[in-house]
Amino acid sequence: MLPLPGGTQSLLGGQAEGPPVINVMFLKTHKTASSTVLNILFRFAETHNLSVALPVGSHFHLGYPWYFLARYVERSEPHGPQQRFNIMCNHLRFNLPEVQKVMPNDTFYFSIIRNPVFQLESSFTYYRDYVPAFRGVESLDAFLASPWTYYNRSASLHNALARNNMWFDLGFDNNGQEDEGYVRARLADVERRFQLVLVAEYFDESMVLLRHLLRWGLDDVVAFRLNSRSAHSVAGVTVEGQARAKRWCALDWRLYQHFNRTFWARVHAELGPRRLRSEVTRLRARRRELMAQCLQDGVAKNKSQITDPQLRPFQSGQADILGYNLRQGLDNQTQRMCQRMVMPELQYMAHLYALQFPEKDPKHIPFLE
């Protein structure tokens, strides 16, 4: 194993207290900037030669939308003892007893949430051809005006992305009752299991707090936005539509309100406002430096502008997913570093799978063939 950044490293303006956390489980929720977080975790794993719990065989997720089972994870010896991994971050529906079979006891658990109004808008655009409830609907506003016209509760697994999807990803019933006792009990369940829940709308602040708790270096959490859409494929939601979305996704709205509050309480307790501002400024300055160093024109590109097929992100629904071109003439070390930062999710997963399981058939990415 390669040497890890140690306890002598200066973090957040002070000394790190102990070695970096290397056992990490990230519950990757949908349409919440989670692909950018996954890139951060993949990079950390590759840089430090850590093991990743990757989907078995040709799969690209860990059994989603079914509850996660340990057998969905690839391992070196299928019939040997259950293998433990350092990092877990692919899409799955949370199922703690099964996750604990593949992750060490001292694992740091975290996730990320987003305002459900805009999470739903993104899901509608991205998964429109996949989710039964979204097919044939003119717009999200039309869906929200009469959701039960389109939403079939009996198709809940396939329709999970159409209602309370973050609640569903956490392992709960996305059609559950909005009873106060039930909601409070489930929120308490999340607080007990997850040491941190980040907020997508405050991504940079989230990365600063995550870095502090994991005792990682600045470059470990600097990232370029991945799997993001071009502005023209982001649909506006009317004020009335936003109110309807909060009612339709009432469980996600409660989740978001609660963990938005706890996030800021944690930030102030761990860092304080002045230190937070300073560290966010440092993070953004470093991102600008790396964008200038790595990227052609320093900006994201649409699919038709991306010259390297291996850097083209998967396109879905009506979303125009952006990617990046690297600058020409980079030295080998800089090229590797920059390539890791812009590598789309599916390609990076296939790359890590080939490194970790060289004896197995590589994962094929159909849209690249």
Protein backbone atom coordinates (compact mmCIF):
# COMPACT_ATOMS: atom_id res chain seq x y z
CA MET A 1 0.00 0.00 0.00
CA LEU A 2 1.28 3.46 -0.88
CA PRO A 3 2.14 5.86 1.96
CA LEU A 4 -0.84 7.92 3.07
CA PRO A 5 -0.86 11.57 3.98
CA GLY A 6 0.01 11.44 7.67
CA GLY A 7 -0.73 13.24 10.89
CA THR A 8 1.94 15.86 10.32
CA GLN A 9 0.01 17.31 7.38
CA SER A 10 -1.35 20.82 7.80
CA LEU A 11 -5.11 20.76 7.34
CA LEU A 12 -7.55 23.65 7.48
CA GLY A 13 -4.93 25.95 8.90
CA GLY A 14 -3.95 23.54 11.70
CA GLN A 15 -2.34 20.19 12.25
CA ALA A 16 -4.27 17.03 11.47
CA GLU A 17 -5.16 15.08 14.58
CA GLY A 18 -4.08 11.60 13.65
CA PRO A 19 -3.91 9.76 10.33
CA PRO A 20 -6.49 10.20 7.57
CA VAL A 21 -9.69 8.19 7.63
CA ILE A 22 -9.43 5.53 4.91
CA ASN A 23 -12.55 3.40 5.51
CA VAL A 24 -15.43 5.35 4.04
CA MET A 25 -18.97 4.47 2.97
CA PHE A 26 -20.74 7.13 0.88
CA LEU A 27 -24.44 6.60 0.24
CA LYS A 28 -24.65 7.95 -3.30
CA THR A 29 -28.09 9.53 -3.61
CA HIS A 30 -29.44 10.43 -7.06
CA LYS A 31 -29.13 13.85 -8.74
CA THR A 32 -27.48 15.47 -5.71
CA ALA A 33 -23.95 16.25 -7.02
CA SER A 34 -23.06 12.76 -5.82
CA SER A 35 -21.10 11.90 -8.99
CA THR A 36 -18.61 14.62 -8.09
CA VAL A 37 -18.27 13.14 -4.59
CA LEU A 38 -17.79 9.69 -6.12
CA ASN A 39 -14.93 11.07 -8.24
CA ILE A 40 -13.27 12.43 -5.10
CA LEU A 41 -13.51 9.02 -3.43
CA PHE A 42 -12.34 7.09 -6.51
CA ARG A 43 -9.33 9.41 -6.82
CA PHE A 44 -8.44 9.01 -3.16
CA ALA A 45 -8.69 5.23 -3.46
CA GLU A 46 -6.55 5.08 -6.59
CA THR A 47 -3.94 7.55 -5.33
CA HIS A 48 -3.49 5.63 -2.07
CA ASN A 49 -3.94 2.11 -3.41
CA LEU A 50 -7.11 1.46 -1.41
CA SER A 51 -9.72 -1.18 -2.22
CA VAL A 52 -13.16 -0.21 -3.51
CA ALA A 53 -16.40 -2.20 -3.21
CA LEU A 54 -17.28 -2.34 -6.91
CA PRO A 55 -20.32 -3.89 -8.61
CA VAL A 56 -19.91 -7.54 -9.56
CA GLY A 57 -19.26 -8.61 -13.14
CA SER A 58 -20.66 -6.38 -15.86
CA HIS A 59 -22.89 -4.36 -13.50
CA PHE A 60 -22.46 -0.65 -12.83
CA HIS A 61 -24.50 -0.32 -9.61
CA LEU A 62 -24.84 -2.34 -6.44
CA GLY A 63 -28.25 -3.90 -7.06
CA TYR A 64 -30.26 -0.68 -7.22
CA PRO A 65 -33.24 -0.24 -6.87
CA TRP A 66 -33.38 -3.43 -4.78
CA TYR A 67 -31.99 -3.43 -1.26
CA PHE A 68 -28.23 -3.87 -1.24
CA LEU A 69 -26.84 -7.36 -0.67
CA ALA A 70 -23.18 -8.18 -0.07
CA ARG A 71 -23.18 -10.52 -3.04
CA TYR A 72 -23.61 -7.54 -5.36
CA VAL A 73 -19.95 -6.64 -4.68
CA GLU A 74 -17.12 -8.11 -6.76
CA ARG A 75 -14.42 -9.94 -4.84
CA SER A 76 -11.22 -11.75 -5.66
CA GLU A 77 -12.37 -15.17 -4.38
CA PRO A 78 -16.14 -15.62 -4.83
CA HIS A 79 -16.23 -18.76 -2.66
CA GLY A 80 -13.74 -17.58 -0.04
CA PRO A 81 -14.39 -15.53 3.12
CA GLN A 82 -16.21 -12.22 2.70
CA GLN A 83 -13.73 -9.56 1.61
CA ARG A 84 -13.66 -6.13 3.32
CA PHE A 85 -13.04 -2.90 1.41
CA ASN A 86 -11.84 0.60 2.21
CA ILE A 87 -14.22 2.62 0.04
CA MET A 88 -17.85 2.09 -0.96
CA CYS A 89 -19.61 4.73 -3.05
CA ASN A 90 -21.63 3.27 -5.95
CA HIS A 91 -25.39 3.63 -6.16
CA LEU A 92 -27.23 1.29 -3.81
CA ARG A 93 -30.34 1.19 -1.64
CA PHE A 94 -29.06 1.29 1.92
CA ASN A 95 -29.24 -1.95 3.88
CA LEU A 96 -26.95 -1.66 6.89
CA PRO A 97 -26.49 -5.36 7.88
CA GLU A 98 -25.38 -6.21 4.33
CA VAL A 99 -23.14 -3.13 4.03
CA GLN A 100 -21.44 -4.15 7.29
CA LYS A 101 -20.50 -7.48 5.71
CA VAL A 102 -18.19 -5.72 3.24
CA MET A 103 -17.05 -2.63 5.20
CA PRO A 104 -14.85 -2.51 8.34
CA ASN A 105 -16.30 -1.71 11.76
CA ASP A 106 -14.59 1.70 11.92
CA THR A 107 -16.09 2.89 8.62
CA PHE A 108 -17.07 6.57 8.32
CA TYR A 109 -20.60 6.78 6.85
CA PHE A 110 -21.81 9.88 5.03
CA SER A 111 -24.29 10.94 2.36
CA ILE A 112 -25.52 14.04 0.53
CA ILE A 113 -28.97 15.58 0.06
CA ARG A 114 -30.43 18.30 -2.16
CA ASN A 115 -33.52 20.48 -2.13
CA PRO A 116 -36.11 17.92 -3.33
CA VAL A 117 -37.75 20.41 -5.69
CA PHE A 118 -34.62 20.64 -7.79
CA GLN A 119 -33.62 17.02 -7.20
CA LEU A 120 -37.00 16.02 -8.67
CA GLU A 121 -36.56 18.38 -11.64
CA SER A 122 -33.17 16.86 -12.37
CA SER A 123 -34.55 13.32 -12.06
CA PHE A 124 -37.44 14.17 -14.38
CA THR A 125 -35.06 15.42 -17.08
CA TYR A 126 -32.47 12.66 -16.63
CA TYR A 127 -34.72 9.62 -16.09
CA ARG A 128 -37.71 10.62 -18.21
CA ASP A 129 -37.39 7.61 -20.52
CA TYR A 130 -36.68 5.18 -17.66
CA VAL A 131 -39.24 5.97 -14.96
CA PRO A 132 -42.80 4.83 -15.83
CA ALA A 133 -44.39 7.78 -14.01
CA PHE A 134 -42.48 10.29 -16.15
CA ARG A 135 -43.16 8.77 -19.55
CA GLY A 136 -45.58 10.69 -21.73
CA VAL A 137 -45.79 13.67 -19.37
CA GLU A 138 -45.33 17.01 -21.07
CA SER A 139 -43.46 18.68 -18.20
CA LEU A 140 -42.66 18.35 -14.52
CA ASP A 141 -45.29 21.00 -13.75
CA ALA A 142 -47.88 18.87 -15.58
CA PHE A 143 -46.82 15.82 -13.57
CA LEU A 144 -47.01 17.71 -10.27
CA ALA A 145 -50.44 19.12 -11.11
CA SER A 146 -51.84 15.56 -11.07
CA PRO A 147 -49.14 13.09 -9.95
CA TRP A 148 -51.47 10.19 -9.18
CA THR A 149 -52.58 10.21 -12.82
CA TYR A 150 -49.10 9.01 -13.75
CA TYR A 151 -47.69 7.45 -10.58
CA ASN A 152 -48.52 3.82 -9.84
CA ARG A 153 -47.71 2.84 -6.27
CA SER A 154 -47.47 -0.85 -7.22
CA ALA A 155 -44.56 -0.03 -9.56
CA SER A 156 -42.75 1.62 -6.67
CA LEU A 157 -39.27 0.17 -7.37
CA HIS A 158 -39.28 1.45 -10.93
CA ASN A 159 -40.98 4.67 -9.87
CA ALA A 160 -38.67 5.28 -6.90
CA LEU A 161 -37.00 8.14 -8.76
CA ALA A 162 -40.35 9.93 -9.09
CA ARG A 163 -41.16 10.41 -5.40
CA ASN A 164 -39.13 10.83 -2.19
CA ASN A 165 -36.12 9.32 -3.88
CA MET A 166 -33.56 10.31 -1.23
CA TRP A 167 -35.80 8.74 1.43
CA PHE A 168 -35.91 5.60 -0.72
CA ASP A 169 -32.11 5.51 -1.20
CA LEU A 170 -31.71 5.60 2.59
CA GLY A 171 -33.66 2.34 2.70
CA PHE A 172 -37.05 3.72 3.72
CA ASP A 173 -40.49 3.49 2.09
CA ASN A 174 -40.84 6.39 -0.35
CA ASN A 175 -44.63 5.97 -0.15
CA GLY A 176 -44.53 5.96 3.66
CA GLN A 177 -47.02 7.78 5.82
CA GLU A 178 -46.20 11.37 6.69
CA ASP A 179 -46.91 10.63 10.33
CA GLU A 180 -44.80 12.75 12.68
CA GLY A 181 -43.68 9.87 14.84
CA TYR A 182 -42.64 7.81 11.82
CA VAL A 183 -40.71 10.71 10.25
CA ARG A 184 -38.87 11.56 13.47
CA ALA A 185 -37.93 7.91 14.02
CA ARG A 186 -36.46 7.59 10.52
CA LEU A 187 -34.53 10.87 10.83
CA ALA A 188 -33.10 9.55 14.10
CA ASP A 189 -32.10 6.34 12.29
CA VAL A 190 -30.12 8.38 9.75
CA GLU A 191 -28.44 10.43 12.49
CA ARG A 192 -27.38 7.28 14.32
CA ARG A 193 -25.84 5.62 11.28
CA PHE A 194 -24.37 8.51 9.27
CA GLN A 195 -21.65 10.62 10.83
CA LEU A 196 -22.31 13.35 8.27
CA VAL A 197 -24.99 14.37 5.78
CA LEU A 198 -23.82 16.97 3.27
CA VAL A 199 -25.94 19.52 1.39
CA ALA A 200 -25.55 19.83 -2.39
CA GLU A 201 -26.50 23.52 -2.45
CA TYR A 202 -23.46 24.19 -0.23
CA PHE A 203 -21.07 21.84 -1.98
CA ASP A 204 -17.85 23.71 -1.23
CA GLU A 205 -18.76 24.16 2.42
CA SER A 206 -19.61 20.44 2.48
CA MET A 207 -16.19 19.52 1.10
CA VAL A 208 -14.45 21.70 3.69
CA LEU A 209 -16.31 19.98 6.53
CA LEU A 210 -15.80 16.52 5.03
CA ARG A 211 -12.08 17.19 4.67
CA HIS A 212 -11.87 18.31 8.28
CA LEU A 213 -13.60 15.16 9.57
CA LEU A 214 -11.63 12.76 7.34
CA ARG A 215 -8.32 14.57 7.92
CA TRP A 216 -7.59 14.65 4.20
CA GLY A 217 -5.51 17.09 2.17
CA LEU A 218 -6.87 20.02 0.19
CA ASP A 219 -6.28 18.43 -3.22
CA ASP A 220 -8.12 15.30 -2.05
CA VAL A 221 -11.43 17.19 -1.99
CA VAL A 222 -10.95 19.69 -4.83
CA ALA A 223 -13.12 18.59 -7.75
CA PHE A 224 -14.61 19.70 -11.04
CA ARG A 225 -18.38 19.35 -11.44
CA LEU A 226 -19.20 16.00 -13.03
CA ASN A 227 -22.42 14.68 -14.55
CA SER A 228 -23.81 18.22 -14.61
CA ARG A 229 -26.22 19.50 -17.25
CA SER A 230 -25.94 22.36 -19.70
CA ALA A 231 -28.07 25.37 -18.77
CA HIS A 232 -30.52 24.78 -21.64
CA SER A 233 -31.47 21.32 -20.32
CA VAL A 234 -32.36 22.64 -16.85
CA ALA A 235 -36.11 23.28 -16.76
CA GLY A 236 -37.60 25.97 -14.58
CA VAL A 237 -40.21 24.99 -12.01
CA THR A 238 -43.04 27.44 -11.36
CA VAL A 239 -43.66 28.75 -7.85
CA GLU A 240 -46.84 26.67 -7.73
CA GLY A 241 -44.89 23.66 -9.02
CA GLN A 242 -42.29 24.08 -6.28
CA ALA A 243 -44.99 24.06 -3.61
CA ARG A 244 -46.53 20.95 -5.17
CA ALA A 245 -43.13 19.24 -5.30
CA LYS A 246 -42.62 19.84 -1.58
CA ARG A 247 -46.00 18.26 -0.87
CA TRP A 248 -45.47 15.35 -3.30
CA CYS A 249 -41.98 14.69 -1.87
CA ALA A 250 -42.93 15.61 1.69
CA LEU A 251 -40.64 12.97 3.25
CA ASP A 252 -37.66 14.24 1.25
CA TRP A 253 -38.60 17.80 2.21
CA ARG A 254 -38.53 16.87 5.91
CA LEU A 255 -35.21 15.09 5.36
CA TYR A 256 -33.77 18.15 3.65
CA GLN A 257 -35.00 20.62 6.26
CA HIS A 258 -33.64 18.51 9.11
CA PHE A 259 -30.18 17.81 7.71
CA ASN A 260 -29.77 21.32 6.33
CA ARG A 261 -30.12 22.48 9.95
CA THR A 262 -27.78 19.82 11.37
CA PHE A 263 -25.19 20.52 8.66
CA TRP A 264 -24.87 24.17 9.62
CA ALA A 265 -24.85 23.34 13.31
CA ARG A 266 -21.98 20.93 12.64
CA VAL A 267 -20.09 23.48 10.52
CA HIS A 268 -20.29 26.10 13.27
CA ALA A 269 -19.34 23.61 15.98
CA GLU A 270 -16.36 22.15 14.08
CA LEU A 271 -15.04 25.20 12.23
CA GLY A 272 -16.80 28.46 12.98
CA PRO A 273 -17.78 31.09 10.37
CA ARG A 274 -14.37 32.73 9.92
CA ARG A 275 -12.47 29.49 9.42
CA LEU A 276 -15.17 28.18 7.09
CA ARG A 277 -14.96 31.29 4.88
CA SER A 278 -11.18 31.05 4.78
CA GLU A 279 -11.19 27.39 3.81
CA VAL A 280 -13.91 27.78 1.18
CA THR A 281 -11.83 30.58 -0.36
CA ARG A 282 -8.76 28.30 -0.42
CA LEU A 283 -10.75 25.45 -1.95
CA ARG A 284 -12.16 27.64 -4.73
CA ALA A 285 -8.78 29.20 -5.47
CA ARG A 286 -7.20 25.75 -5.81
CA ARG A 287 -10.02 24.60 -8.09
CA ARG A 288 -9.44 27.61 -10.35
CA GLU A 289 -5.71 26.80 -10.46
CA LEU A 290 -6.38 23.19 -11.44
CA MET A 291 -8.98 24.14 -14.04
CA ALA A 292 -6.47 26.47 -15.68
CA GLN A 293 -3.79 23.80 -15.49
CA CYS A 294 -5.89 20.85 -16.69
CA LEU A 295 -8.71 22.03 -18.93
CA GLN A 296 -8.83 23.20 -22.51
CA ASP A 297 -10.36 26.69 -22.33
CA GLY A 298 -10.86 26.10 -18.59
CA VAL A 299 -14.56 25.22 -19.01
CA ALA A 300 -16.95 22.26 -19.38
CA LYS A 301 -17.95 21.14 -22.88
CA ASN A 302 -21.07 19.57 -24.35
CA LYS A 303 -20.95 16.03 -25.73
CA SER A 304 -20.25 17.07 -29.33
CA GLN A 305 -17.22 19.11 -28.26
CA ILE A 306 -15.46 16.38 -26.26
CA THR A 307 -12.66 14.97 -28.41
CA ASP A 308 -11.56 11.96 -26.31
CA PRO A 309 -14.30 9.27 -26.31
CA GLN A 310 -13.02 8.01 -22.95
CA LEU A 311 -13.92 11.37 -21.42
CA ARG A 312 -17.45 11.53 -22.82
CA PRO A 313 -20.08 11.14 -20.08
CA PHE A 314 -23.14 8.95 -20.42
CA GLN A 315 -26.14 10.84 -21.81
CA SER A 316 -29.62 10.14 -20.45
CA GLY A 317 -33.14 11.35 -21.17
CA GLN A 318 -33.31 14.99 -22.20
CA ALA A 319 -30.26 15.98 -20.17
CA ASP A 320 -27.25 17.38 -22.01
CA ILE A 321 -24.47 16.10 -19.74
CA LEU A 322 -21.26 18.12 -19.85
CA GLY A 323 -17.69 16.86 -19.77
CA TYR A 324 -14.17 18.16 -20.32
CA ASN A 325 -11.27 18.27 -22.76
CA LEU A 326 -7.78 18.21 -21.28
CA ARG A 327 -5.15 20.71 -22.32
CA GLN A 328 -2.60 19.50 -24.84
CA GLY A 329 1.07 19.05 -23.95
CA LEU A 330 0.71 18.14 -20.27
CA ASP A 331 3.57 16.18 -18.73
CA ASN A 332 2.78 12.57 -17.80
CA GLN A 333 2.24 13.16 -14.08
CA THR A 334 -0.02 16.18 -14.64
CA GLN A 335 -1.90 14.32 -17.37
CA ARG A 336 -2.69 11.43 -14.99
CA MET A 337 -3.80 13.79 -12.24
CA CYS A 338 -6.02 15.84 -14.57
CA GLN A 339 -7.46 12.76 -16.25
CA ARG A 340 -8.61 11.38 -12.90
CA MET A 341 -10.37 14.65 -12.14
CA VAL A 342 -12.39 14.67 -15.38
CA MET A 343 -12.99 10.94 -15.90
CA PRO A 344 -16.75 10.23 -16.04
CA GLU A 345 -18.25 7.89 -13.51
CA LEU A 346 -18.71 4.78 -15.65
CA GLN A 347 -15.26 5.01 -17.20
CA TYR A 348 -13.62 5.51 -13.80
CA MET A 349 -15.50 2.55 -12.35
CA ALA A 350 -14.34 0.34 -15.24
CA HIS A 351 -10.77 1.64 -14.81
CA LEU A 352 -10.69 0.80 -11.08
CA TYR A 353 -12.28 -2.60 -11.74
CA ALA A 354 -9.48 -3.45 -14.21
CA LEU A 355 -6.84 -2.35 -11.68
CA GLN A 356 -8.41 -4.20 -8.78
CA PHE A 357 -9.44 -7.38 -10.61
CA PRO A 358 -6.99 -7.82 -13.51
CA GLU A 359 -7.82 -11.52 -13.71
CA LYS A 360 -11.50 -10.84 -14.50
CA ASP A 361 -13.11 -9.72 -17.73
CA PRO A 362 -13.14 -5.92 -17.94
CA LYS A 363 -16.37 -3.95 -17.68
CA HIS A 364 -17.64 -2.89 -21.10
CA ILE A 365 -19.32 0.49 -21.50
CA PRO A 366 -21.89 0.05 -24.31
CA PHE A 367 -22.19 3.69 -25.36
CA LEU A 368 -18.42 3.84 -26.00
CA GLU A 369 -18.39 0.80 -28.27
